[in-house]
Amino acid sequence: MSQSPAPDRAPAPDRAEVIEMLASFGQRSVGEVPEQIGSLELTWLITKVELEYGVTLELSDEALMSMTTVTSAVTALRDVLTGAEHV
């Protein structure tokens, strides 16, 4: 059964939120987050989204392989969160 996000929370993180989540990996400033996302950063981002949004993400191999930049991660997360299972 799906639940809606908290009233003050968007259904998916926007670009600024994704950058903030990535910045918390390695305790960087948001200005230090590059557009390219490495595999460890991607793992961190997925975990952060799952924890902060209270969801279990079911990402296809295609979605995971496409998430190589901040821009593509924002798009993929927006697409998948509409069908994510809430825990």
Protein backbone atom coordinates (compact mmCIF):
# COMPACT_ATOMS: atom_id res chain seq x y z
CA MET A 1 0.00 0.00 0.00
CA SER A 2 1.37 3.41 -0.96
CA GLN A 3 1.40 6.39 1.30
CA SER A 4 1.68 9.98 0.23
CA PRO A 5 4.76 11.93 1.22
CA ALA A 6 4.42 14.32 4.14
CA PRO A 7 2.37 17.39 3.18
CA ASP A 8 5.45 19.62 3.21
CA ARG A 9 7.54 17.18 1.15
CA ALA A 10 7.54 16.91 -2.61
CA PRO A 11 6.88 13.42 -4.00
CA ALA A 12 10.51 13.25 -5.21
CA PRO A 13 13.69 15.18 -4.42
CA ASP A 14 14.50 18.10 -6.67
CA ARG A 15 17.98 18.91 -7.97
CA ALA A 16 18.94 20.96 -4.90
CA GLU A 17 17.89 18.14 -2.55
CA VAL A 18 19.81 15.54 -4.55
CA ILE A 19 22.92 17.73 -4.44
CA GLU A 20 22.50 18.19 -0.67
CA MET A 21 22.21 14.43 -0.21
CA LEU A 22 25.30 13.83 -2.33
CA ALA A 23 27.20 16.53 -0.44
CA SER A 24 26.61 14.65 2.79
CA PHE A 25 28.69 11.81 1.31
CA GLY A 26 32.21 12.81 2.30
CA GLN A 27 30.99 15.90 4.15
CA ARG A 28 31.35 18.22 1.15
CA SER A 29 29.78 21.57 0.49
CA VAL A 30 27.06 21.61 -2.16
CA GLY A 31 29.45 23.53 -4.40
CA GLU A 32 31.88 20.61 -4.33
CA VAL A 33 29.40 18.11 -5.77
CA PRO A 34 30.23 17.44 -9.44
CA GLU A 35 27.61 16.67 -12.09
CA GLN A 36 29.01 13.13 -12.54
CA ILE A 37 27.92 10.54 -9.94
CA GLY A 38 30.15 7.60 -9.07
CA SER A 39 28.88 4.19 -7.98
CA LEU A 40 29.50 4.81 -4.27
CA GLU A 41 27.76 8.18 -4.47
CA LEU A 42 24.82 6.54 -6.23
CA THR A 43 24.54 3.91 -3.50
CA TRP A 44 24.63 6.68 -0.89
CA LEU A 45 21.98 8.69 -2.74
CA ILE A 46 19.61 5.74 -3.06
CA THR A 47 20.00 4.93 0.63
CA LYS A 48 19.40 8.57 1.62
CA VAL A 49 16.26 8.77 -0.53
CA GLU A 50 14.92 5.52 0.90
CA LEU A 51 15.50 6.72 4.47
CA GLU A 52 14.27 10.28 4.02
CA TYR A 53 11.22 9.37 1.94
CA GLY A 54 10.36 6.16 3.81
CA VAL A 55 10.36 4.08 0.64
CA THR A 56 11.98 1.00 -0.80
CA LEU A 57 13.12 1.83 -4.31
CA GLU A 58 12.77 -0.84 -6.96
CA LEU A 59 15.22 0.41 -9.58
CA SER A 60 15.67 -1.48 -12.83
CA ASP A 61 19.16 -2.12 -14.15
CA GLU A 62 18.37 0.40 -16.88
CA ALA A 63 17.44 3.08 -14.31
CA LEU A 64 20.58 2.41 -12.28
CA MET A 65 22.81 2.54 -15.35
CA SER A 66 21.23 5.84 -16.40
CA MET A 67 21.94 7.53 -13.06
CA THR A 68 25.44 8.77 -13.90
CA THR A 69 24.81 12.48 -13.44
CA VAL A 70 22.89 14.64 -10.98
CA THR A 71 20.46 15.53 -13.76
CA SER A 72 19.78 11.91 -14.70
CA ALA A 73 19.46 10.89 -11.03
CA VAL A 74 16.83 13.59 -10.42
CA THR A 75 14.88 12.37 -13.45
CA ALA A 76 15.14 8.67 -12.54
CA LEU A 77 14.17 9.29 -8.90
CA ARG A 78 11.18 11.37 -9.96
CA ASP A 79 10.08 8.61 -12.34
CA VAL A 80 10.49 5.72 -9.90
CA LEU A 81 9.07 7.38 -6.79
CA THR A 82 5.63 7.55 -8.32
CA GLY A 83 5.52 3.75 -8.04
CA ALA A 84 7.81 3.10 -5.03
CA GLU A 85 6.62 0.83 -2.23
CA HIS A 86 6.43 2.56 1.11
CA VAL A 87 7.79 0.73 4.13
